Amino acid sequence: MNADKGPPMREYAGLIWIEDKPGIRLRILARSLDEAWSRVIEEYGEGHVISIWNEEDASSAR
């Protein structure tokens, strides 16, 4: 039997702006928004403007 490994991986999209350069588009597989955010910071460092979202969440009714 497979042990439960938590929520499924989902694709998150985003943009990061580093200094005065044009925004860089991102695609990240993660189990949560917090995990996606952490992975971006791990790769690019702190102190940048970051916007991350999941397309399914963005299109669902609130």
PDB file of N, CA and C in Angstrom:
ATOM      1  N   MET A   1       0.835  -1.192   0.000  1.00  0.00           N
ATOM      2  CA  MET A   1       0.000   0.000   0.000  1.00  0.00           C
ATOM      3  C   MET A   1       0.873   1.246   0.000  1.00  0.00           C
ATOM      4  N   ASN A   2       0.378   2.276  -0.638  1.00  0.00           N
ATOM      5  CA  ASN A   2       1.100   3.549  -0.676  1.00  0.00           C
ATOM      6  C   ASN A   2       0.753   4.389   0.538  1.00  0.00           C
ATOM      7  N   ALA A   3       1.738   4.900   1.200  1.00  0.00           N
ATOM      8  CA  ALA A   3       1.507   5.798   2.330  1.00  0.00           C
ATOM      9  C   ALA A   3       1.069   7.160   1.797  1.00  0.00           C
ATOM     10  N   ASP A   4       0.186   7.813   2.535  1.00  0.00           N
ATOM     11  CA  ASP A   4      -0.268   9.143   2.126  1.00  0.00           C
ATOM     12  C   ASP A   4       0.893  10.120   2.246  1.00  0.00           C
ATOM     13  N   LYS A   5       1.187  10.803   1.175  1.00  0.00           N
ATOM     14  CA  LYS A   5       2.326  11.727   1.148  1.00  0.00           C
ATOM     15  C   LYS A   5       1.882  13.177   1.193  1.00  0.00           C
ATOM     16  N   GLY A   6       0.652  13.439   1.582  1.00  0.00           N
ATOM     17  CA  GLY A   6       0.163  14.803   1.649  1.00  0.00           C
ATOM     18  C   GLY A   6      -0.593  15.183   0.399  1.00  0.00           C
ATOM     19  N   PRO A   7      -0.875  16.460   0.242  1.00  0.00           N
ATOM     20  CA  PRO A   7      -1.636  16.934  -0.915  1.00  0.00           C
ATOM     21  C   PRO A   7      -0.905  16.650  -2.226  1.00  0.00           C
ATOM     22  N   PRO A   8      -1.648  16.518  -3.309  1.00  0.00           N
ATOM     23  CA  PRO A   8      -1.005  16.274  -4.605  1.00  0.00           C
ATOM     24  C   PRO A   8      -0.218  17.494  -5.079  1.00  0.00           C
ATOM     25  N   MET A   9       0.729  17.244  -5.943  1.00  0.00           N
ATOM     26  CA  MET A   9       1.486  18.343  -6.547  1.00  0.00           C
ATOM     27  C   MET A   9       0.557  19.118  -7.477  1.00  0.00           C
ATOM     28  N   ARG A  10       0.662  20.432  -7.446  1.00  0.00           N
ATOM     29  CA  ARG A  10      -0.130  21.305  -8.309  1.00  0.00           C
ATOM     30  C   ARG A  10       0.819  22.284  -8.984  1.00  0.00           C
ATOM     31  N   GLU A  11       0.394  22.785 -10.134  1.00  0.00           N
ATOM     32  CA  GLU A  11       1.221  23.751 -10.843  1.00  0.00           C
ATOM     33  C   GLU A  11       0.834  25.172 -10.417  1.00  0.00           C
ATOM     34  N   TYR A  12       1.845  25.947 -10.065  1.00  0.00           N
ATOM     35  CA  TYR A  12       1.666  27.357  -9.722  1.00  0.00           C
ATOM     36  C   TYR A  12       2.389  28.188 -10.774  1.00  0.00           C
ATOM     37  N   ALA A  13       1.767  29.285 -11.141  1.00  0.00           N
ATOM     38  CA  ALA A  13       2.357  30.219 -12.085  1.00  0.00           C
ATOM     39  C   ALA A  13       2.732  31.473 -11.313  1.00  0.00           C
ATOM     40  N   GLY A  14       3.625  32.249 -11.874  1.00  0.00           N
ATOM     41  CA  GLY A  14       3.993  33.468 -11.183  1.00  0.00           C
ATOM     42  C   GLY A  14       4.958  34.325 -11.955  1.00  0.00           C
ATOM     43  N   LEU A  15       5.276  35.430 -11.332  1.00  0.00           N
ATOM     44  CA  LEU A  15       6.247  36.384 -11.855  1.00  0.00           C
ATOM     45  C   LEU A  15       7.138  36.828 -10.711  1.00  0.00           C
ATOM     46  N   ILE A  16       8.399  37.104 -11.035  1.00  0.00           N
ATOM     47  CA  ILE A  16       9.313  37.682 -10.059  1.00  0.00           C
ATOM     48  C   ILE A  16      10.046  38.829 -10.740  1.00  0.00           C
ATOM     49  N   TRP A  17      10.125  39.940 -10.032  1.00  0.00           N
ATOM     50  CA  TRP A  17      10.838  41.109 -10.541  1.00  0.00           C
ATOM     51  C   TRP A  17      12.094  41.281  -9.704  1.00  0.00           C
ATOM     52  N   ILE A  18      13.239  41.238 -10.360  1.00  0.00           N
ATOM     53  CA  ILE A  18      14.527  41.379  -9.685  1.00  0.00           C
ATOM     54  C   ILE A  18      15.124  42.711 -10.108  1.00  0.00           C
ATOM     55  N   GLU A  19      15.285  43.585  -9.111  1.00  0.00           N
ATOM     56  CA  GLU A  19      15.794  44.937  -9.331  1.00  0.00           C
ATOM     57  C   GLU A  19      14.939  45.630 -10.388  1.00  0.00           C
ATOM     58  N   ASP A  20      15.559  46.252 -11.382  1.00  0.00           N
ATOM     59  CA  ASP A  20      14.790  46.990 -12.388  1.00  0.00           C
ATOM     60  C   ASP A  20      14.646  46.212 -13.691  1.00  0.00           C
ATOM     61  N   LYS A  21      14.909  44.903 -13.644  1.00  0.00           N
ATOM     62  CA  LYS A  21      14.807  44.058 -14.837  1.00  0.00           C
ATOM     63  C   LYS A  21      13.357  43.674 -15.082  1.00  0.00           C
ATOM     64  N   PRO A  22      13.011  43.326 -16.331  1.00  0.00           N
ATOM     65  CA  PRO A  22      11.642  42.861 -16.611  1.00  0.00           C
ATOM     66  C   PRO A  22      11.313  41.615 -15.792  1.00  0.00           C
ATOM     67  N   GLY A  23      10.030  41.395 -15.525  1.00  0.00           N
ATOM     68  CA  GLY A  23       9.593  40.249 -14.741  1.00  0.00           C
ATOM     69  C   GLY A  23       9.946  38.930 -15.412  1.00  0.00           C
ATOM     70  N   ILE A  24      10.263  37.948 -14.604  1.00  0.00           N
ATOM     71  CA  ILE A  24      10.564  36.599 -15.079  1.00  0.00           C
ATOM     72  C   ILE A  24       9.349  35.730 -14.789  1.00  0.00           C
ATOM     73  N   ARG A  25       8.836  35.032 -15.813  1.00  0.00           N
ATOM     74  CA  ARG A  25       7.698  34.133 -15.623  1.00  0.00           C
ATOM     75  C   ARG A  25       8.166  32.842 -14.972  1.00  0.00           C
ATOM     76  N   LEU A  26       7.323  32.327 -14.067  1.00  0.00           N
ATOM     77  CA  LEU A  26       7.658  31.119 -13.325  1.00  0.00           C
ATOM     78  C   LEU A  26       6.573  30.060 -13.509  1.00  0.00           C
ATOM     79  N   ARG A  27       6.957  28.804 -13.473  1.00  0.00           N
ATOM     80  CA  ARG A  27       6.060  27.653 -13.386  1.00  0.00           C
ATOM     81  C   ARG A  27       6.688  26.730 -12.355  1.00  0.00           C
ATOM     82  N   ILE A  28       5.932  26.423 -11.299  1.00  0.00           N
ATOM     83  CA  ILE A  28       6.477  25.649 -10.186  1.00  0.00           C
ATOM     84  C   ILE A  28       5.495  24.548  -9.811  1.00  0.00           C
ATOM     85  N   LEU A  29       5.991  23.333  -9.593  1.00  0.00           N
ATOM     86  CA  LEU A  29       5.180  22.250  -9.049  1.00  0.00           C
ATOM     87  C   LEU A  29       5.401  22.209  -7.546  1.00  0.00           C
ATOM     88  N   ALA A  30       4.305  22.299  -6.795  1.00  0.00           N
ATOM     89  CA  ALA A  30       4.401  22.297  -5.341  1.00  0.00           C
ATOM     90  C   ALA A  30       3.097  21.769  -4.757  1.00  0.00           C
ATOM     91  N   ARG A  31       3.129  21.410  -3.489  1.00  0.00           N
ATOM     92  CA  ARG A  31       1.948  20.879  -2.813  1.00  0.00           C
ATOM     93  C   ARG A  31       1.078  21.987  -2.218  1.00  0.00           C
ATOM     94  N   SER A  32       1.631  23.209  -2.096  1.00  0.00           N
ATOM     95  CA  SER A  32       0.874  24.331  -1.533  1.00  0.00           C
ATOM     96  C   SER A  32       1.476  25.644  -2.031  1.00  0.00           C
ATOM     97  N   LEU A  33       0.727  26.704  -1.837  1.00  0.00           N
ATOM     98  CA  LEU A  33       1.223  28.029  -2.200  1.00  0.00           C
ATOM     99  C   LEU A  33       2.458  28.374  -1.380  1.00  0.00           C
ATOM    100  N   ASP A  34       2.443  28.026  -0.095  1.00  0.00           N
ATOM    101  CA  ASP A  34       3.604  28.304   0.762  1.00  0.00           C
ATOM    102  C   ASP A  34       4.853  27.581   0.265  1.00  0.00           C
ATOM    103  N   GLU A  35       4.678  26.333  -0.165  1.00  0.00           N
ATOM    104  CA  GLU A  35       5.820  25.578  -0.687  1.00  0.00           C
ATOM    105  C   GLU A  35       6.334  26.202  -1.984  1.00  0.00           C
ATOM    106  N   ALA A  36       5.413  26.627  -2.853  1.00  0.00           N
ATOM    107  CA  ALA A  36       5.813  27.282  -4.108  1.00  0.00           C
ATOM    108  C   ALA A  36       6.597  28.557  -3.797  1.00  0.00           C
ATOM    109  N   TRP A  37       6.084  29.343  -2.876  1.00  0.00           N
ATOM    110  CA  TRP A  37       6.739  30.602  -2.471  1.00  0.00           C
ATOM    111  C   TRP A  37       8.150  30.316  -1.947  1.00  0.00           C
ATOM    112  N   SER A  38       8.265  29.307  -1.090  1.00  0.00           N
ATOM    113  CA  SER A  38       9.567  28.946  -0.520  1.00  0.00           C
ATOM    114  C   SER A  38      10.568  28.529  -1.598  1.00  0.00           C
ATOM    115  N   ARG A  39      10.098  27.789  -2.583  1.00  0.00           N
ATOM    116  CA  ARG A  39      10.993  27.344  -3.662  1.00  0.00           C
ATOM    117  C   ARG A  39      11.502  28.523  -4.492  1.00  0.00           C
ATOM    118  N   VAL A  40      10.643  29.508  -4.729  1.00  0.00           N
ATOM    119  CA  VAL A  40      11.076  30.693  -5.483  1.00  0.00           C
ATOM    120  C   VAL A  40      12.127  31.456  -4.682  1.00  0.00           C
ATOM    121  N   ILE A  41      11.886  31.646  -3.404  1.00  0.00           N
ATOM    122  CA  ILE A  41      12.854  32.357  -2.561  1.00  0.00           C
ATOM    123  C   ILE A  41      14.161  31.582  -2.477  1.00  0.00           C
ATOM    124  N   GLU A  42      14.071  30.257  -2.397  1.00  0.00           N
ATOM    125  CA  GLU A  42      15.275  29.428  -2.354  1.00  0.00           C
ATOM    126  C   GLU A  42      16.110  29.606  -3.621  1.00  0.00           C
ATOM    127  N   GLU A  43      15.435  29.706  -4.764  1.00  0.00           N
ATOM    128  CA  GLU A  43      16.159  29.821  -6.038  1.00  0.00           C
ATOM    129  C   GLU A  43      16.659  31.234  -6.322  1.00  0.00           C
ATOM    130  N   TYR A  44      15.846  32.260  -6.024  1.00  0.00           N
ATOM    131  CA  TYR A  44      16.187  33.633  -6.415  1.00  0.00           C
ATOM    132  C   TYR A  44      16.615  34.521  -5.255  1.00  0.00           C
ATOM    133  N   GLY A  45      16.411  34.079  -4.021  1.00  0.00           N
ATOM    134  CA  GLY A  45      16.762  34.894  -2.863  1.00  0.00           C
ATOM    135  C   GLY A  45      15.617  35.788  -2.420  1.00  0.00           C
ATOM    136  N   GLU A  46      15.804  36.411  -1.275  1.00  0.00           N
ATOM    137  CA  GLU A  46      14.768  37.274  -0.702  1.00  0.00           C
ATOM    138  C   GLU A  46      14.908  38.707  -1.192  1.00  0.00           C
ATOM    139  N   GLY A  47      13.845  39.489  -0.990  1.00  0.00           N
ATOM    140  CA  GLY A  47      13.898  40.908  -1.286  1.00  0.00           C
ATOM    141  C   GLY A  47      13.384  41.290  -2.667  1.00  0.00           C
ATOM    142  N   HIS A  48      12.769  40.352  -3.376  1.00  0.00           N
ATOM    143  CA  HIS A  48      12.229  40.634  -4.702  1.00  0.00           C
ATOM    144  C   HIS A  48      10.709  40.683  -4.642  1.00  0.00           C
ATOM    145  N   VAL A  49      10.109  41.336  -5.619  1.00  0.00           N
ATOM    146  CA  VAL A  49       8.652  41.349  -5.725  1.00  0.00           C
ATOM    147  C   VAL A  49       8.247  40.056  -6.413  1.00  0.00           C
ATOM    148  N   ILE A  50       7.370  39.287  -5.746  1.00  0.00           N
ATOM    149  CA  ILE A  50       6.962  37.977  -6.249  1.00  0.00           C
ATOM    150  C   ILE A  50       5.443  37.898  -6.260  1.00  0.00           C
ATOM    151  N   SER A  51       4.896  37.350  -7.338  1.00  0.00           N
ATOM    152  CA  SER A  51       3.468  37.082  -7.434  1.00  0.00           C
ATOM    153  C   SER A  51       3.312  35.634  -7.889  1.00  0.00           C
ATOM    154  N   ILE A  52       2.590  34.818  -7.095  1.00  0.00           N
ATOM    155  CA  ILE A  52       2.398  33.401  -7.422  1.00  0.00           C
ATOM    156  C   ILE A  52       0.922  33.062  -7.250  1.00  0.00           C
ATOM    157  N   TRP A  53       0.396  32.242  -8.164  1.00  0.00           N
ATOM    158  CA  TRP A  53      -0.991  31.812  -8.067  1.00  0.00           C
ATOM    159  C   TRP A  53      -1.155  30.444  -8.713  1.00  0.00           C
ATOM    160  N   ASN A  54      -2.258  29.796  -8.375  1.00  0.00           N
ATOM    161  CA  ASN A  54      -2.643  28.536  -8.998  1.00  0.00           C
ATOM    162  C   ASN A  54      -3.824  28.852  -9.910  1.00  0.00           C
ATOM    163  N   GLU A  55      -3.742  28.484 -11.181  1.00  0.00           N
ATOM    164  CA  GLU A  55      -4.790  28.814 -12.152  1.00  0.00           C
ATOM    165  C   GLU A  55      -6.155  28.270 -11.734  1.00  0.00           C
ATOM    166  N   GLU A  56      -6.205  27.054 -11.181  1.00  0.00           N
ATOM    167  CA  GLU A  56      -7.476  26.478 -10.743  1.00  0.00           C
ATOM    168  C   GLU A  56      -8.093  27.320  -9.629  1.00  0.00           C
ATOM    169  N   ASP A  57      -7.286  27.721  -8.669  1.00  0.00           N
ATOM    170  CA  ASP A  57      -7.780  28.550  -7.566  1.00  0.00           C
ATOM    171  C   ASP A  57      -8.213  29.920  -8.078  1.00  0.00           C
ATOM    172  N   ALA A  58      -7.468  30.477  -8.989  1.00  0.00           N
ATOM    173  CA  ALA A  58      -7.778  31.818  -9.498  1.00  0.00           C
ATOM    174  C   ALA A  58      -9.085  31.845 -10.262  1.00  0.00           C
ATOM    175  N   SER A  59      -9.456  30.740 -10.905  1.00  0.00           N
ATOM    176  CA  SER A  59     -10.675  30.730 -11.711  1.00  0.00           C
ATOM    177  C   SER A  59     -11.898  30.236 -10.946  1.00  0.00           C
ATOM    178  N   SER A  60     -11.724  29.755  -9.709  1.00  0.00           N
ATOM    179  CA  SER A  60     -12.864  29.250  -8.952  1.00  0.00           C
ATOM    180  C   SER A  60     -13.642  30.395  -8.299  1.00  0.00           C
ATOM    181  N   ALA A  61     -14.940  30.157  -8.099  1.00  0.00           N
ATOM    182  CA  ALA A  61     -15.791  31.175  -7.463  1.00  0.00           C
ATOM    183  C   ALA A  61     -15.393  31.354  -6.015  1.00  0.00           C
ATOM    184  N   ARG A  62     -15.533  32.550  -5.532  1.00  0.00           N
ATOM    185  CA  ARG A  62     -15.184  32.842  -4.133  1.00  0.00           C
ATOM    186  C   ARG A  62     -16.434  32.979  -3.310  1.00  0.00           C
TER     187      ARG A  62
END
